[in-house]
């Protein structure tokens, strides 16, 4: 299995529980998916991204990782990805393009709720760059 990480599951941004969950991932390869990326402010004042996949959408940047060692149930719990009502994300397999143009696939956590009115579009589809350019910081946790 492969994981497309585009936000707080990237090594540069992962803190606390997120860092623990991604520890088994390999270094990954730069990759993109098609869709729209938004930022939401978390309860601690930090930001996290939401991905709305769309084959005709813009480019969302991230890393594609070999995720064979990941504890998927724990990762799903962290991302609030479940089959019940109120889930925030769903783990979905998406078409992924590697930096060299190779087409493949990987799982990504895709937002499943209605788009919140305070969601901020992330121009360019790169969460880490958006944080740096705007002076914002990523959430520390999802508690």
Protein backbone atom coordinates (compact mmCIF):
# COMPACT_ATOMS: atom_id res chain seq x y z
CA UNK A 1 0.00 0.00 0.00
CA UNK A 2 1.04 3.57 -0.63
CA UNK A 3 0.05 6.76 1.16
CA UNK A 4 -0.16 10.15 -0.51
CA UNK A 5 0.59 12.64 2.29
CA UNK A 6 -0.20 16.29 1.55
CA UNK A 7 -0.43 17.92 4.98
CA UNK A 8 0.30 17.21 8.63
CA UNK A 9 1.29 13.62 7.77
CA UNK A 10 4.38 14.98 5.97
CA UNK A 11 7.61 14.64 7.94
CA UNK A 12 8.30 18.39 7.83
CA UNK A 13 5.00 19.13 9.57
CA UNK A 14 4.18 16.02 11.64
CA UNK A 15 4.17 16.55 15.40
CA UNK A 16 3.13 14.35 18.32
CA UNK A 17 0.79 11.53 17.36
CA UNK A 18 1.10 12.28 13.64
CA UNK A 19 4.89 11.87 13.84
CA UNK A 20 4.44 8.53 15.63
CA UNK A 21 2.00 7.28 13.02
CA UNK A 22 4.21 8.14 10.04
CA UNK A 23 7.43 6.77 11.57
CA UNK A 24 7.16 3.50 9.56
CA UNK A 25 6.89 5.35 6.22
CA UNK A 26 9.80 5.41 3.81
CA UNK A 27 11.22 8.79 2.74
CA UNK A 28 8.70 9.03 -0.06
CA UNK A 29 8.79 10.59 -3.49
CA UNK A 30 7.38 13.94 -4.60
CA UNK A 31 3.99 13.41 -6.20
CA UNK A 32 0.74 15.14 -7.10
CA UNK A 33 -2.97 14.39 -7.29
CA UNK A 34 -5.78 16.32 -8.95
CA UNK A 35 -8.14 18.25 -6.72
CA UNK A 36 -8.54 21.32 -4.57
CA UNK A 37 -6.77 21.99 -1.29
CA UNK A 38 -8.14 24.19 1.50
CA UNK A 39 -6.83 25.18 4.90
CA UNK A 40 -8.86 25.00 8.10
CA UNK A 41 -7.95 26.47 11.48
CA UNK A 42 -7.79 23.81 14.19
CA UNK A 43 -8.81 24.17 17.83
CA UNK A 44 -5.22 25.02 18.84
CA UNK A 45 -5.03 27.89 16.31
CA UNK A 46 -2.84 25.92 13.92
CA UNK A 47 -3.94 24.93 10.43
CA UNK A 48 -4.61 21.66 8.66
CA UNK A 49 -5.48 20.94 5.03
CA UNK A 50 -8.50 19.32 3.47
CA UNK A 51 -8.35 17.67 0.07
CA UNK A 52 -11.32 17.53 -2.27
CA UNK A 53 -10.25 15.17 -5.07
CA UNK A 54 -11.31 16.14 -8.59
CA UNK A 55 -9.86 14.59 -11.74
CA UNK A 56 -10.42 17.92 -13.51
CA UNK A 57 -9.17 20.01 -10.58
CA UNK A 58 -5.89 21.70 -9.84
CA UNK A 59 -2.64 20.15 -8.73
CA UNK A 60 -2.18 19.13 -5.09
CA UNK A 61 1.42 18.50 -4.03
CA UNK A 62 2.58 15.90 -1.55
CA UNK A 63 4.72 12.84 -1.05
CA UNK A 64 3.95 9.26 -2.01
CA UNK A 65 5.18 6.75 0.57
CA UNK A 66 5.45 2.99 0.83
CA UNK A 67 3.09 2.46 3.76
CA UNK A 68 3.28 -1.29 4.35
CA UNK A 69 4.34 -0.77 7.98
CA UNK A 70 1.57 1.72 8.85
CA UNK A 71 -1.02 0.90 11.49
CA UNK A 72 -3.97 1.78 9.25
CA UNK A 73 -6.68 1.50 11.94
CA UNK A 74 -4.69 3.94 14.14
CA UNK A 75 -4.11 6.26 11.17
CA UNK A 76 -7.83 6.17 10.30
CA UNK A 77 -8.68 6.97 13.92
CA UNK A 78 -6.26 9.91 13.93
CA UNK A 79 -7.79 11.24 10.70
CA UNK A 80 -11.37 10.68 11.91
CA UNK A 81 -11.91 8.40 8.91
CA UNK A 82 -14.65 5.88 9.65
CA UNK A 83 -17.88 4.59 8.17
CA UNK A 84 -20.13 6.18 10.77
CA UNK A 85 -21.87 9.54 10.72
CA UNK A 86 -19.71 12.56 11.43
CA UNK A 87 -16.51 11.26 9.81
CA UNK A 88 -14.26 14.09 8.67
CA UNK A 89 -12.18 12.11 6.18
CA UNK A 90 -12.32 8.93 4.12
CA UNK A 91 -9.26 7.00 2.99
CA UNK A 92 -9.59 6.77 -0.79
CA UNK A 93 -7.39 5.42 -3.53
CA UNK A 94 -6.50 8.19 -5.97
CA UNK A 95 -4.57 8.50 -9.20
CA UNK A 96 -1.10 9.85 -8.36
CA UNK A 97 1.55 11.31 -10.63
CA UNK A 98 5.17 11.03 -9.52
CA UNK A 99 7.68 13.81 -10.11
CA UNK A 100 9.07 12.00 -13.16
CA UNK A 101 5.60 11.81 -14.74
CA UNK A 102 4.95 8.15 -13.86
CA UNK A 103 1.28 7.42 -13.17
CA UNK A 104 0.42 5.23 -10.18
CA UNK A 105 -2.04 5.24 -7.30
CA UNK A 106 -2.05 5.73 -3.56
CA UNK A 107 -4.38 6.22 -0.66
CA UNK A 108 -5.11 9.72 0.58
CA UNK A 109 -7.34 11.11 3.29
CA UNK A 110 -10.08 13.02 1.48
CA UNK A 111 -12.47 15.42 3.20
CA UNK A 112 -16.06 14.11 3.28
CA UNK A 113 -18.00 16.87 5.05
CA UNK A 114 -19.55 19.91 3.42
CA UNK A 115 -16.95 22.58 2.73
CA UNK A 116 -16.86 24.91 5.76
CA UNK A 117 -17.49 28.59 5.08
CA UNK A 118 -14.20 29.53 6.74
CA UNK A 119 -12.08 27.15 4.62
CA UNK A 120 -9.29 29.06 2.89
CA UNK A 121 -8.27 28.01 -0.62
CA UNK A 122 -4.60 27.09 -0.90
CA UNK A 123 -3.35 28.52 -4.20
CA UNK A 124 -0.79 26.25 -5.81
CA UNK A 125 -2.00 23.22 -3.84
CA UNK A 126 1.05 22.97 -1.54
CA UNK A 127 0.15 23.07 2.16
CA UNK A 128 3.71 23.43 3.53
CA UNK A 129 4.54 26.29 1.14
CA UNK A 130 1.23 28.00 2.00
CA UNK A 131 2.07 27.84 5.70
CA UNK A 132 5.56 29.28 5.16
CA UNK A 133 4.40 32.04 2.81
CA UNK A 134 1.51 33.10 5.05
CA UNK A 135 3.37 32.84 8.37
CA UNK A 136 0.89 30.29 9.68
CA UNK A 137 1.71 27.10 11.54
CA UNK A 138 0.34 23.57 11.35
CA UNK A 139 -1.86 22.14 14.07
CA UNK A 140 -0.04 20.32 16.84
CA UNK A 141 -2.68 17.63 17.23
CA UNK A 142 -6.24 16.67 16.49
CA UNK A 143 -7.51 16.51 20.09
